[in-house]
Amino acid sequence: MSTQPFVREISVDYSDDELDALATAFGRKDLARRPERSTDDPIRRAQRQTALRGLVARHAIMLSGTPNRPQIAFLDPHATLLGTWLRAPAVATIRTEAREAARSASLLVGDEVVVHQAALPGQAIQRLTAHGRDGAPDLLAAELDLASTVPAPEDAKPIEVSPRMVGATLEAFEQGQAPPTNVPKAAVDVLHARLSSGSLTIAHRATGGVRVAERWAWIDAGTLGLWRVRGPKDGAVLTIEPFDPSALRTEIADTWSGILDGTA
């Protein structure tokens, strides 16, 4: 029988206003979903104060101090979720887009738990779920969902194209029109076959800011295989290159493991 403590999954929903209020109170503008243009906006200030009072009513926090300098203490089980959300040194942010919908999620790893954050469809609500820290590798692999992709054809070559060309081609497809004539045919074929696209950023955060950050982007072109997107170089050129899905999974897993080991 395992001697490890039993960790139960904990899930709580928070509104965007509640999380933005906490991010502002703790000086974490990078976590706010709606960054403020001005801290003097009376409407946003009232929304933050209302959100903080709502968290008090939910027995999520204890609030003291002044409205401009609140003193906040977290109460369990919210302390596990919100404390990790605010202070996690290791963070993975995943964004995926298919023809039907777009999705984003984050994994925030603390000392003992990994918190999965994702928006509820059609609602201004974020669901935070805490798992045991050991689950971080499997959670990232499941969120990426790269297992079903196939390698690109052996004769596939890298393609250089501008971000504007990519946007114009996708817009033409949406409107049922022919793509621009200046877009390479190989790029048109990959974008037309696109089942989904995604990006992943893995970061090691410290008190003074992000210390290490790695980013990947890719296109799943179905039978035309997986293509990795690099760049843009100086904002002008993207390189779309054929890539082996297993190699991409391994590269991401190794980087994630290294970040986790560095924050253990």
C-alpha atoms as a PDB file:
ATOM      1  CA  MET A   1       0.000   0.000   0.000  1.00  0.00           C
ATOM      2  CA  SER A   2       1.276   3.472  -0.900  1.00  0.00           C
ATOM      3  CA  THR A   3       2.497   5.621   1.974  1.00  0.00           C
ATOM      4  CA  GLN A   4       1.923   8.815  -0.033  1.00  0.00           C
ATOM      5  CA  PRO A   5      -0.839  11.115   1.270  1.00  0.00           C
ATOM      6  CA  PHE A   6      -4.130  10.925  -0.570  1.00  0.00           C
ATOM      7  CA  VAL A   7      -4.716  14.123  -2.563  1.00  0.00           C
ATOM      8  CA  ARG A   8      -8.300  14.801  -3.498  1.00  0.00           C
ATOM      9  CA  GLU A   9      -9.162  16.863  -6.575  1.00  0.00           C
ATOM     10  CA  ILE A  10     -10.567  20.287  -5.660  1.00  0.00           C
ATOM     11  CA  SER A  11     -12.491  22.457  -8.120  1.00  0.00           C
ATOM     12  CA  VAL A  12     -13.939  25.954  -7.587  1.00  0.00           C
ATOM     13  CA  ASP A  13     -15.347  28.509 -10.041  1.00  0.00           C
ATOM     14  CA  TYR A  14     -14.374  32.189  -9.871  1.00  0.00           C
ATOM     15  CA  SER A  15     -15.646  35.097 -11.936  1.00  0.00           C
ATOM     16  CA  ASP A  16     -13.277  37.108 -14.119  1.00  0.00           C
ATOM     17  CA  ASP A  17     -14.019  40.100 -11.872  1.00  0.00           C
ATOM     18  CA  GLU A  18     -12.949  38.168  -8.767  1.00  0.00           C
ATOM     19  CA  LEU A  19      -9.662  37.021 -10.267  1.00  0.00           C
ATOM     20  CA  ASP A  20      -8.934  40.449 -11.757  1.00  0.00           C
ATOM     21  CA  ALA A  21      -9.565  42.050  -8.364  1.00  0.00           C
ATOM     22  CA  LEU A  22      -7.094  39.680  -6.706  1.00  0.00           C
ATOM     23  CA  ALA A  23      -4.509  40.195  -9.467  1.00  0.00           C
ATOM     24  CA  THR A  24      -4.773  43.969  -9.017  1.00  0.00           C
ATOM     25  CA  ALA A  25      -4.635  43.765  -5.221  1.00  0.00           C
ATOM     26  CA  PHE A  26      -1.436  41.699  -5.360  1.00  0.00           C
ATOM     27  CA  GLY A  27       0.163  43.747  -8.135  1.00  0.00           C
ATOM     28  CA  ARG A  28      -0.019  40.908 -10.670  1.00  0.00           C
ATOM     29  CA  LYS A  29      -1.161  42.673 -13.838  1.00  0.00           C
ATOM     30  CA  ASP A  30       0.148  39.738 -15.881  1.00  0.00           C
ATOM     31  CA  LEU A  31      -2.630  37.549 -14.432  1.00  0.00           C
ATOM     32  CA  ALA A  32      -5.512  39.949 -15.131  1.00  0.00           C
ATOM     33  CA  ARG A  33      -7.795  38.945 -17.969  1.00  0.00           C
ATOM     34  CA  ARG A  34      -8.787  42.574 -18.474  1.00  0.00           C
ATOM     35  CA  PRO A  35      -5.726  44.766 -17.809  1.00  0.00           C
ATOM     36  CA  GLU A  36      -6.681  48.210 -16.607  1.00  0.00           C
ATOM     37  CA  ARG A  37      -5.861  51.280 -18.641  1.00  0.00           C
ATOM     38  CA  SER A  38      -6.078  53.470 -15.568  1.00  0.00           C
ATOM     39  CA  THR A  39      -6.111  52.625 -11.878  1.00  0.00           C
ATOM     40  CA  ASP A  40      -8.199  55.773 -11.328  1.00  0.00           C
ATOM     41  CA  ASP A  41     -11.218  54.466 -13.240  1.00  0.00           C
ATOM     42  CA  PRO A  42     -14.035  54.722 -10.647  1.00  0.00           C
ATOM     43  CA  ILE A  43     -16.167  52.052 -12.357  1.00  0.00           C
ATOM     44  CA  ARG A  44     -13.391  49.465 -12.408  1.00  0.00           C
ATOM     45  CA  ARG A  45     -12.449  50.359  -8.826  1.00  0.00           C
ATOM     46  CA  ALA A  46     -16.046  49.773  -7.724  1.00  0.00           C
ATOM     47  CA  GLN A  47     -16.123  46.463  -9.604  1.00  0.00           C
ATOM     48  CA  ARG A  48     -12.942  45.331  -7.851  1.00  0.00           C
ATOM     49  CA  GLN A  49     -14.282  46.267  -4.438  1.00  0.00           C
ATOM     50  CA  THR A  50     -17.580  44.483  -5.125  1.00  0.00           C
ATOM     51  CA  ALA A  51     -15.697  41.383  -6.308  1.00  0.00           C
ATOM     52  CA  LEU A  52     -13.529  41.331  -3.181  1.00  0.00           C
ATOM     53  CA  ARG A  53     -16.595  41.648  -0.954  1.00  0.00           C
ATOM     54  CA  GLY A  54     -18.145  38.778  -2.886  1.00  0.00           C
ATOM     55  CA  LEU A  55     -15.119  36.608  -2.122  1.00  0.00           C
ATOM     56  CA  VAL A  56     -15.496  37.514   1.547  1.00  0.00           C
ATOM     57  CA  ALA A  57     -19.154  36.469   1.427  1.00  0.00           C
ATOM     58  CA  ARG A  58     -18.115  33.152  -0.140  1.00  0.00           C
ATOM     59  CA  HIS A  59     -15.670  32.584   2.752  1.00  0.00           C
ATOM     60  CA  ALA A  60     -12.832  32.531   0.230  1.00  0.00           C
ATOM     61  CA  ILE A  61     -10.844  35.378   1.778  1.00  0.00           C
ATOM     62  CA  MET A  62     -10.615  37.540   4.876  1.00  0.00           C
ATOM     63  CA  LEU A  63     -10.267  41.221   4.040  1.00  0.00           C
ATOM     64  CA  SER A  64      -8.776  43.997   6.143  1.00  0.00           C
ATOM     65  CA  GLY A  65      -6.818  47.197   5.529  1.00  0.00           C
ATOM     66  CA  THR A  66      -8.159  49.945   3.247  1.00  0.00           C
ATOM     67  CA  PRO A  67      -9.910  49.802  -0.157  1.00  0.00           C
ATOM     68  CA  ASN A  68      -6.738  51.070  -1.840  1.00  0.00           C
ATOM     69  CA  ARG A  69      -4.397  48.790   0.149  1.00  0.00           C
ATOM     70  CA  PRO A  70      -6.407  45.723   1.128  1.00  0.00           C
ATOM     71  CA  GLN A  71      -4.900  43.060   3.346  1.00  0.00           C
ATOM     72  CA  ILE A  72      -6.054  39.657   2.118  1.00  0.00           C
ATOM     73  CA  ALA A  73      -5.838  36.254   3.781  1.00  0.00           C
ATOM     74  CA  PHE A  74      -7.044  33.145   1.945  1.00  0.00           C
ATOM     75  CA  LEU A  75      -9.257  30.525   3.582  1.00  0.00           C
ATOM     76  CA  ASP A  76      -9.232  26.822   2.716  1.00  0.00           C
ATOM     77  CA  PRO A  77      -9.884  25.304   0.258  1.00  0.00           C
ATOM     78  CA  HIS A  78      -9.550  28.551  -1.677  1.00  0.00           C
ATOM     79  CA  ALA A  79      -6.080  29.069  -0.203  1.00  0.00           C
ATOM     80  CA  THR A  80      -4.804  26.057  -2.161  1.00  0.00           C
ATOM     81  CA  LEU A  81      -6.298  27.238  -5.458  1.00  0.00           C
ATOM     82  CA  LEU A  82      -5.852  30.998  -5.251  1.00  0.00           C
ATOM     83  CA  GLY A  83      -2.478  30.870  -3.514  1.00  0.00           C
ATOM     84  CA  THR A  84      -1.094  28.661  -6.278  1.00  0.00           C
ATOM     85  CA  TRP A  85      -2.774  30.792  -8.972  1.00  0.00           C
ATOM     86  CA  LEU A  86      -1.030  33.900  -7.654  1.00  0.00           C
ATOM     87  CA  ARG A  87       2.390  32.516  -6.763  1.00  0.00           C
ATOM     88  CA  ALA A  88       3.056  29.417  -8.889  1.00  0.00           C
ATOM     89  CA  PRO A  89       6.665  29.473 -10.136  1.00  0.00           C
ATOM     90  CA  ALA A  90       5.963  27.118 -13.060  1.00  0.00           C
ATOM     91  CA  VAL A  91       3.241  27.959 -15.593  1.00  0.00           C
ATOM     92  CA  ALA A  92       2.153  26.400 -18.885  1.00  0.00           C
ATOM     93  CA  THR A  93      -0.361  28.284 -21.042  1.00  0.00           C
ATOM     94  CA  ILE A  94      -2.050  26.425 -23.888  1.00  0.00           C
ATOM     95  CA  ARG A  95      -4.184  27.966 -26.638  1.00  0.00           C
ATOM     96  CA  THR A  96      -5.892  25.895 -29.318  1.00  0.00           C
ATOM     97  CA  GLU A  97      -8.131  26.919 -32.185  1.00  0.00           C
ATOM     98  CA  ALA A  98     -10.254  24.711 -34.414  1.00  0.00           C
ATOM     99  CA  ARG A  99     -12.766  25.703 -37.041  1.00  0.00           C
ATOM    100  CA  GLU A 100     -15.567  25.469 -34.505  1.00  0.00           C
ATOM    101  CA  ALA A 101     -14.079  27.055 -31.388  1.00  0.00           C
ATOM    102  CA  ALA A 102     -11.050  28.399 -29.566  1.00  0.00           C
ATOM    103  CA  ARG A 103      -9.881  27.327 -26.130  1.00  0.00           C
ATOM    104  CA  SER A 104      -7.232  28.415 -23.653  1.00  0.00           C
ATOM    105  CA  ALA A 105      -6.068  26.804 -20.437  1.00  0.00           C
ATOM    106  CA  SER A 106      -3.229  27.179 -17.956  1.00  0.00           C
ATOM    107  CA  LEU A 107      -1.399  24.848 -15.605  1.00  0.00           C
ATOM    108  CA  LEU A 108       0.098  26.518 -12.525  1.00  0.00           C
ATOM    109  CA  VAL A 109       2.414  24.386 -10.417  1.00  0.00           C
ATOM    110  CA  GLY A 110       3.088  25.109  -6.745  1.00  0.00           C
ATOM    111  CA  ASP A 111       4.904  23.224  -4.019  1.00  0.00           C
ATOM    112  CA  GLU A 112       2.357  20.424  -3.674  1.00  0.00           C
ATOM    113  CA  VAL A 113      -0.332  20.943  -6.315  1.00  0.00           C
ATOM    114  CA  VAL A 114      -0.873  21.812  -9.953  1.00  0.00           C
ATOM    115  CA  VAL A 115      -3.891  24.030 -10.651  1.00  0.00           C
ATOM    116  CA  HIS A 116      -5.665  23.692 -13.987  1.00  0.00           C
ATOM    117  CA  GLN A 117      -7.405  26.895 -15.106  1.00  0.00           C
ATOM    118  CA  ALA A 118      -9.909  27.068 -17.967  1.00  0.00           C
ATOM    119  CA  ALA A 119     -12.836  29.289 -18.861  1.00  0.00           C
ATOM    120  CA  LEU A 120     -16.346  27.878 -18.864  1.00  0.00           C
ATOM    121  CA  PRO A 121     -17.741  28.195 -22.409  1.00  0.00           C
ATOM    122  CA  GLY A 122     -19.842  31.302 -22.938  1.00  0.00           C
ATOM    123  CA  GLN A 123     -19.366  32.563 -19.387  1.00  0.00           C
ATOM    124  CA  ALA A 124     -17.065  35.076 -17.687  1.00  0.00           C
ATOM    125  CA  ILE A 125     -16.077  32.358 -15.225  1.00  0.00           C
ATOM    126  CA  GLN A 126     -12.791  30.530 -14.696  1.00  0.00           C
ATOM    127  CA  ARG A 127     -12.751  27.015 -13.247  1.00  0.00           C
ATOM    128  CA  LEU A 128      -9.689  26.289 -11.091  1.00  0.00           C
ATOM    129  CA  THR A 129      -9.018  22.637 -10.281  1.00  0.00           C
ATOM    130  CA  ALA A 130      -6.209  21.467  -8.010  1.00  0.00           C
ATOM    131  CA  HIS A 131      -4.491  18.120  -8.580  1.00  0.00           C
ATOM    132  CA  GLY A 132      -1.450  16.549  -6.975  1.00  0.00           C
ATOM    133  CA  ARG A 133       1.778  18.031  -8.322  1.00  0.00           C
ATOM    134  CA  ASP A 134       2.828  14.640  -9.735  1.00  0.00           C
ATOM    135  CA  GLY A 135      -0.012  14.947 -12.239  1.00  0.00           C
ATOM    136  CA  ALA A 136       1.517  17.964 -14.010  1.00  0.00           C
ATOM    137  CA  PRO A 137       3.142  16.009 -16.917  1.00  0.00           C
ATOM    138  CA  ASP A 138      -0.013  14.033 -17.739  1.00  0.00           C
ATOM    139  CA  LEU A 139      -2.238  17.122 -17.470  1.00  0.00           C
ATOM    140  CA  LEU A 140      -0.108  18.974 -20.008  1.00  0.00           C
ATOM    141  CA  ALA A 141      -0.018  16.010 -22.394  1.00  0.00           C
ATOM    142  CA  ALA A 142      -3.812  15.668 -22.224  1.00  0.00           C
ATOM    143  CA  GLU A 143      -4.356  19.393 -22.786  1.00  0.00           C
ATOM    144  CA  LEU A 144      -2.086  19.423 -25.853  1.00  0.00           C
ATOM    145  CA  ASP A 145      -3.864  16.416 -27.420  1.00  0.00           C
ATOM    146  CA  LEU A 146      -1.128  15.762 -29.991  1.00  0.00           C
ATOM    147  CA  ALA A 147      -1.420  11.975 -29.924  1.00  0.00           C
ATOM    148  CA  SER A 148      -3.668  11.737 -33.004  1.00  0.00           C
ATOM    149  CA  THR A 149      -1.526  13.888 -35.314  1.00  0.00           C
ATOM    150  CA  VAL A 150       0.592  12.297 -38.043  1.00  0.00           C
ATOM    151  CA  PRO A 151       3.998  13.225 -39.498  1.00  0.00           C
ATOM    152  CA  ALA A 152       4.094  15.428 -42.594  1.00  0.00           C
ATOM    153  CA  PRO A 153       4.909  13.765 -45.950  1.00  0.00           C
ATOM    154  CA  GLU A 154       8.587  12.887 -46.362  1.00  0.00           C
ATOM    155  CA  ASP A 155       8.999  15.265 -49.312  1.00  0.00           C
ATOM    156  CA  ALA A 156       7.474  18.242 -47.444  1.00  0.00           C
ATOM    157  CA  LYS A 157       9.667  21.343 -47.304  1.00  0.00           C
ATOM    158  CA  PRO A 158       9.681  24.355 -44.959  1.00  0.00           C
ATOM    159  CA  ILE A 159       7.562  27.286 -46.105  1.00  0.00           C
ATOM    160  CA  GLU A 160       8.209  30.976 -45.514  1.00  0.00           C
ATOM    161  CA  VAL A 161       5.178  33.241 -45.394  1.00  0.00           C
ATOM    162  CA  SER A 162       4.215  36.506 -43.721  1.00  0.00           C
ATOM    163  CA  PRO A 163       1.629  36.674 -40.913  1.00  0.00           C
ATOM    164  CA  ARG A 164      -0.468  38.909 -43.187  1.00  0.00           C
ATOM    165  CA  MET A 165      -0.518  36.234 -45.887  1.00  0.00           C
ATOM    166  CA  VAL A 166      -1.683  33.634 -43.366  1.00  0.00           C
ATOM    167  CA  GLY A 167      -4.463  35.919 -42.118  1.00  0.00           C
ATOM    168  CA  ALA A 168      -5.595  36.804 -45.643  1.00  0.00           C
ATOM    169  CA  THR A 169      -5.664  33.129 -46.674  1.00  0.00           C
ATOM    170  CA  LEU A 170      -7.741  32.055 -43.664  1.00  0.00           C
ATOM    171  CA  GLU A 171     -10.118  34.976 -44.227  1.00  0.00           C
ATOM    172  CA  ALA A 172     -10.531  33.971 -47.870  1.00  0.00           C
ATOM    173  CA  PHE A 173     -11.410  30.421 -46.837  1.00  0.00           C
ATOM    174  CA  GLU A 174     -14.014  31.716 -44.363  1.00  0.00           C
ATOM    175  CA  GLN A 175     -15.634  33.813 -47.088  1.00  0.00           C
ATOM    176  CA  GLY A 176     -15.538  31.043 -49.694  1.00  0.00           C
ATOM    177  CA  GLN A 177     -13.083  32.945 -51.886  1.00  0.00           C
ATOM    178  CA  ALA A 178      -9.813  32.041 -53.576  1.00  0.00           C
ATOM    179  CA  PRO A 179      -6.698  32.755 -51.495  1.00  0.00           C
ATOM    180  CA  PRO A 180      -4.353  35.604 -52.507  1.00  0.00           C
ATOM    181  CA  THR A 181      -2.180  34.724 -55.499  1.00  0.00           C
ATOM    182  CA  ASN A 182       1.035  35.756 -53.723  1.00  0.00           C
ATOM    183  CA  VAL A 183       0.687  33.021 -51.083  1.00  0.00           C
ATOM    184  CA  PRO A 184       2.821  29.917 -51.805  1.00  0.00           C
ATOM    185  CA  LYS A 185       0.729  26.933 -52.891  1.00  0.00           C
ATOM    186  CA  ALA A 186       2.257  24.732 -50.190  1.00  0.00           C
ATOM    187  CA  ALA A 187       1.100  27.201 -47.531  1.00  0.00           C
ATOM    188  CA  VAL A 188      -2.388  27.331 -49.052  1.00  0.00           C
ATOM    189  CA  ASP A 189      -2.575  23.518 -48.977  1.00  0.00           C
ATOM    190  CA  VAL A 190      -1.509  23.306 -45.313  1.00  0.00           C
ATOM    191  CA  LEU A 191      -3.868  26.076 -44.202  1.00  0.00           C
ATOM    192  CA  HIS A 192      -6.774  24.608 -46.177  1.00  0.00           C
ATOM    193  CA  ALA A 193      -6.199  21.181 -44.591  1.00  0.00           C
ATOM    194  CA  ARG A 194      -5.868  22.676 -41.092  1.00  0.00           C
ATOM    195  CA  LEU A 195      -7.910  20.811 -38.503  1.00  0.00           C
ATOM    196  CA  SER A 196      -6.604  22.896 -35.625  1.00  0.00           C
ATOM    197  CA  SER A 197      -3.714  25.065 -34.528  1.00  0.00           C
ATOM    198  CA  GLY A 198      -2.187  25.596 -31.144  1.00  0.00           C
ATOM    199  CA  SER A 199       0.461  27.321 -29.103  1.00  0.00           C
ATOM    200  CA  LEU A 200       2.126  26.597 -25.790  1.00  0.00           C
ATOM    201  CA  THR A 201       4.218  28.806 -23.534  1.00  0.00           C
ATOM    202  CA  ILE A 202       6.085  27.327 -20.575  1.00  0.00           C
ATOM    203  CA  ALA A 203       7.556  29.757 -18.070  1.00  0.00           C
ATOM    204  CA  HIS A 204       9.508  29.688 -14.818  1.00  0.00           C
ATOM    205  CA  ARG A 205       8.387  32.751 -12.879  1.00  0.00           C
ATOM    206  CA  ALA A 206      10.331  34.380 -10.086  1.00  0.00           C
ATOM    207  CA  THR A 207       9.611  37.342  -7.814  1.00  0.00           C
ATOM    208  CA  GLY A 208      11.388  39.696 -10.201  1.00  0.00           C
ATOM    209  CA  GLY A 209       9.612  38.360 -13.299  1.00  0.00           C
ATOM    210  CA  VAL A 210       9.884  35.486 -15.774  1.00  0.00           C
ATOM    211  CA  ARG A 211      13.292  33.791 -15.654  1.00  0.00           C
ATOM    212  CA  VAL A 212      12.820  31.158 -18.354  1.00  0.00           C
ATOM    213  CA  ALA A 213      10.197  31.000 -21.102  1.00  0.00           C
ATOM    214  CA  GLU A 214       9.841  28.650 -24.074  1.00  0.00           C
ATOM    215  CA  ARG A 215       7.160  28.836 -26.767  1.00  0.00           C
ATOM    216  CA  TRP A 216       5.885  26.439 -29.423  1.00  0.00           C
ATOM    217  CA  ALA A 217       3.245  26.890 -32.130  1.00  0.00           C
ATOM    218  CA  TRP A 218       1.926  24.321 -34.587  1.00  0.00           C
ATOM    219  CA  ILE A 219      -0.700  23.493 -37.214  1.00  0.00           C
ATOM    220  CA  ASP A 220      -2.405  20.104 -37.392  1.00  0.00           C
ATOM    221  CA  ALA A 221      -3.077  19.724 -41.115  1.00  0.00           C
ATOM    222  CA  GLY A 222      -4.750  16.317 -40.905  1.00  0.00           C
ATOM    223  CA  THR A 223      -3.469  14.007 -43.647  1.00  0.00           C
ATOM    224  CA  LEU A 224      -0.805  16.586 -44.532  1.00  0.00           C
ATOM    225  CA  GLY A 225       0.677  16.111 -41.070  1.00  0.00           C
ATOM    226  CA  LEU A 226       1.907  18.306 -38.260  1.00  0.00           C
ATOM    227  CA  TRP A 227       3.667  21.581 -39.061  1.00  0.00           C
ATOM    228  CA  ARG A 228       5.599  23.675 -36.583  1.00  0.00           C
ATOM    229  CA  VAL A 229       5.370  27.458 -36.838  1.00  0.00           C
ATOM    230  CA  ARG A 230       8.509  29.455 -36.026  1.00  0.00           C
ATOM    231  CA  GLY A 231       8.894  33.212 -35.906  1.00  0.00           C
ATOM    232  CA  PRO A 232       7.966  35.697 -37.024  1.00  0.00           C
ATOM    233  CA  LYS A 233      11.500  36.925 -37.638  1.00  0.00           C
ATOM    234  CA  ASP A 234      11.512  40.688 -37.094  1.00  0.00           C
ATOM    235  CA  GLY A 235       7.733  40.588 -37.474  1.00  0.00           C
ATOM    236  CA  ALA A 236       8.028  39.859 -41.202  1.00  0.00           C
ATOM    237  CA  VAL A 237       8.364  36.126 -41.879  1.00  0.00           C
ATOM    238  CA  LEU A 238       6.918  32.935 -40.418  1.00  0.00           C
ATOM    239  CA  THR A 239       8.558  29.595 -41.103  1.00  0.00           C
ATOM    240  CA  ILE A 240       6.100  26.709 -41.310  1.00  0.00           C
ATOM    241  CA  GLU A 241       8.061  23.472 -41.272  1.00  0.00           C
ATOM    242  CA  PRO A 242       7.100  19.782 -41.240  1.00  0.00           C
ATOM    243  CA  PHE A 243       7.625  18.230 -37.842  1.00  0.00           C
ATOM    244  CA  ASP A 244       7.342  14.795 -36.270  1.00  0.00           C
ATOM    245  CA  PRO A 245       4.558  14.823 -33.616  1.00  0.00           C
ATOM    246  CA  SER A 246       6.503  12.446 -31.358  1.00  0.00           C
ATOM    247  CA  ALA A 247       9.533  14.752 -31.501  1.00  0.00           C
ATOM    248  CA  LEU A 248       7.363  17.735 -30.579  1.00  0.00           C
ATOM    249  CA  ARG A 249       5.781  15.848 -27.674  1.00  0.00           C
ATOM    250  CA  THR A 250       9.208  14.783 -26.417  1.00  0.00           C
ATOM    251  CA  GLU A 251      10.671  18.284 -26.710  1.00  0.00           C
ATOM    252  CA  ILE A 252       7.751  19.811 -24.797  1.00  0.00           C
ATOM    253  CA  ALA A 253       7.769  17.065 -22.135  1.00  0.00           C
ATOM    254  CA  ASP A 254      11.510  17.457 -21.545  1.00  0.00           C
ATOM    255  CA  THR A 255      11.220  21.236 -21.189  1.00  0.00           C
ATOM    256  CA  TRP A 256       8.238  20.951 -18.830  1.00  0.00           C
ATOM    257  CA  SER A 257      10.058  18.347 -16.744  1.00  0.00           C
ATOM    258  CA  GLY A 258      13.104  20.599 -16.510  1.00  0.00           C
ATOM    259  CA  ILE A 259      11.007  23.566 -15.355  1.00  0.00           C
ATOM    260  CA  LEU A 260       9.249  21.404 -12.754  1.00  0.00           C
ATOM    261  CA  ASP A 261      12.548  20.043 -11.456  1.00  0.00           C
ATOM    262  CA  GLY A 262      13.812  23.591 -11.105  1.00  0.00           C
ATOM    263  CA  THR A 263      10.844  24.592  -8.958  1.00  0.00           C
ATOM    264  CA  ALA A 264      10.687  21.479  -6.780  1.00  0.00           C
END
